[in-house]
Amino acid sequence: MKNERIDKIMESLDGMDRVEAPYFFTSKLLARLKVQPEMPQRIFFLRPAFVVAALAIMMLVNVILLTKTSNVQVNNVQQEATIESFAEAYHLTTNSY
């Protein structure tokens, strides 16, 4: 059964003509292969070294900003405590202006 199917397929190929390439096809193809197209220059910002350096700088800036904001919050709490202690010392309320 498989052999009959294979035989039918092979017989269908007998009626086909061989395909011919256009004139000078091989010489044109070889000439194109010899001439290598110029590779577009990568943009400076997309080079891996620059990308890694930019990410490292951004991470450093983020860490610095996070530490500074936490210090500012601590200083604000301490300042509020000193204002409240000053108001208590002079028997003033912080709500009155």
Foldseek 3Di string as FASTA:
>chain_A
DVVVVVVVVVVVCVPDDDDDDDPCPVVVVVVVVVDDDDDDDDDPCPDPVNVVVVVVVVVVVVVVVVVVVVVVVVVVVVVVVVVVVVCVVVVHDPPDD
